[in-house]
Amino acid sequence: MSQLLSTATGRLRVVSAVEGLSYALLMFVAMPVKYVLGHPELVRAVGMAHGVLFIAFTAALVLAWRDRAWDTAKPASLMAWSLVPLGAIQIERVLRQPADA
């Protein structure tokens, strides 16, 4: 794990995975609990965590963009995938590709 956190891209991968998990929890657990069972408390807690993690994802993306000197298309694509539930899976696929691919 420490080896993964030693690079800007590795940190982006970790933050993306955690942010993606929070988004999935928000969409597929907290929101149904709110609307099916009538308990909005979980949305407030998970939503706040997701918001903080989304900001962390954005910061990590900018840092990786600067570190890797990507053109604009790659970070734009990664940001777009972050807006899709379970899009973190595609982000991981993109970031696992070799740098020259």
Protein backbone atom coordinates (compact mmCIF):
# COMPACT_ATOMS: atom_id res chain seq x y z
CA MET A 1 0.00 0.00 0.00
CA SER A 2 2.78 2.46 0.82
CA GLN A 3 4.25 1.84 -2.64
CA LEU A 4 0.88 2.77 -4.17
CA LEU A 5 0.75 5.98 -2.14
CA SER A 6 4.26 7.01 -3.21
CA THR A 7 3.11 8.45 -6.56
CA ALA A 8 0.51 11.03 -7.50
CA THR A 9 -1.21 8.51 -9.78
CA GLY A 10 -1.24 5.90 -7.01
CA ARG A 11 -2.79 8.36 -4.58
CA LEU A 12 -5.39 9.23 -7.22
CA ARG A 13 -6.23 5.54 -7.60
CA VAL A 14 -6.72 5.13 -3.84
CA VAL A 15 -8.83 8.29 -3.47
CA SER A 16 -10.86 7.33 -6.53
CA ALA A 17 -11.63 3.90 -5.09
CA VAL A 18 -12.75 5.29 -1.74
CA GLU A 19 -14.75 8.10 -3.37
CA GLY A 20 -16.36 5.60 -5.73
CA LEU A 21 -17.32 3.39 -2.80
CA SER A 22 -18.88 6.36 -1.00
CA TYR A 23 -20.84 7.25 -4.15
CA ALA A 24 -22.10 3.67 -4.50
CA LEU A 25 -23.14 3.62 -0.83
CA LEU A 26 -24.95 6.92 -1.28
CA MET A 27 -26.80 5.83 -4.43
CA PHE A 28 -27.50 2.18 -3.68
CA VAL A 29 -27.89 2.12 0.12
CA ALA A 30 -28.54 5.55 1.65
CA MET A 31 -30.94 6.85 -1.00
CA PRO A 32 -33.13 3.71 -0.99
CA VAL A 33 -33.20 3.79 2.82
CA LYS A 34 -34.35 7.40 2.63
CA TYR A 35 -37.07 6.89 0.04
CA VAL A 36 -38.21 3.35 0.82
CA LEU A 37 -37.93 3.33 4.61
CA GLY A 38 -38.33 7.05 5.22
CA HIS A 39 -35.04 7.51 7.11
CA PRO A 40 -33.03 10.41 5.64
CA GLU A 41 -30.31 10.38 8.33
CA LEU A 42 -28.01 8.05 6.39
CA VAL A 43 -28.08 10.32 3.33
CA ARG A 44 -26.83 13.23 5.41
CA ALA A 45 -23.88 11.27 6.84
CA VAL A 46 -22.88 9.39 3.68
CA GLY A 47 -23.53 12.45 1.53
CA MET A 48 -21.20 14.60 3.63
CA ALA A 49 -18.47 11.95 3.49
CA HIS A 50 -18.93 11.60 -0.26
CA GLY A 51 -18.71 15.38 -0.73
CA VAL A 52 -15.43 15.58 1.17
CA LEU A 53 -14.06 12.59 -0.76
CA PHE A 54 -15.13 14.14 -4.09
CA ILE A 55 -13.14 17.26 -3.22
CA ALA A 56 -10.17 15.04 -2.33
CA PHE A 57 -10.58 13.20 -5.66
CA THR A 58 -10.58 16.50 -7.55
CA ALA A 59 -7.42 17.65 -5.75
CA ALA A 60 -5.70 14.30 -6.36
CA LEU A 61 -6.69 14.46 -10.03
CA VAL A 62 -5.18 17.93 -10.44
CA LEU A 63 -1.96 16.83 -8.72
CA ALA A 64 -1.67 13.70 -10.88
CA TRP A 65 -2.42 15.79 -13.99
CA ARG A 66 0.44 18.13 -13.15
CA ASP A 67 2.78 15.31 -12.16
CA ARG A 68 2.14 13.21 -15.28
CA ALA A 69 1.78 16.19 -17.68
CA TRP A 70 -1.35 14.69 -19.22
CA ASP A 71 -3.13 16.54 -21.98
CA THR A 72 -6.58 17.85 -21.05
CA ALA A 73 -8.51 14.89 -22.45
CA LYS A 74 -7.42 12.33 -19.84
CA PRO A 75 -8.29 14.33 -16.70
CA ALA A 76 -11.54 15.47 -18.33
CA SER A 77 -12.45 11.85 -19.01
CA LEU A 78 -11.56 10.82 -15.46
CA MET A 79 -13.65 13.65 -14.02
CA ALA A 80 -16.60 12.65 -16.21
CA TRP A 81 -16.33 9.03 -15.02
CA SER A 82 -16.31 10.23 -11.41
CA LEU A 83 -19.82 11.60 -11.95
CA VAL A 84 -21.18 8.18 -12.94
CA PRO A 85 -22.18 5.70 -10.23
CA LEU A 86 -19.58 2.89 -10.29
CA GLY A 87 -17.46 5.02 -12.65
CA ALA A 88 -14.52 4.45 -10.32
CA ILE A 89 -14.19 1.01 -11.93
CA GLN A 90 -13.46 2.62 -15.29
CA ILE A 91 -11.15 5.16 -13.67
CA GLU A 92 -9.13 2.28 -12.20
CA ARG A 93 -8.93 0.61 -15.64
CA VAL A 94 -7.66 3.82 -17.23
CA LEU A 95 -5.10 4.50 -14.51
CA ARG A 96 -3.76 0.92 -14.54
CA GLN A 97 -2.80 1.22 -18.21
CA PRO A 98 0.90 1.72 -18.87
CA ALA A 99 1.89 5.38 -19.17
CA ASP A 100 2.68 5.10 -22.88
CA ALA A 101 -0.63 3.40 -23.77
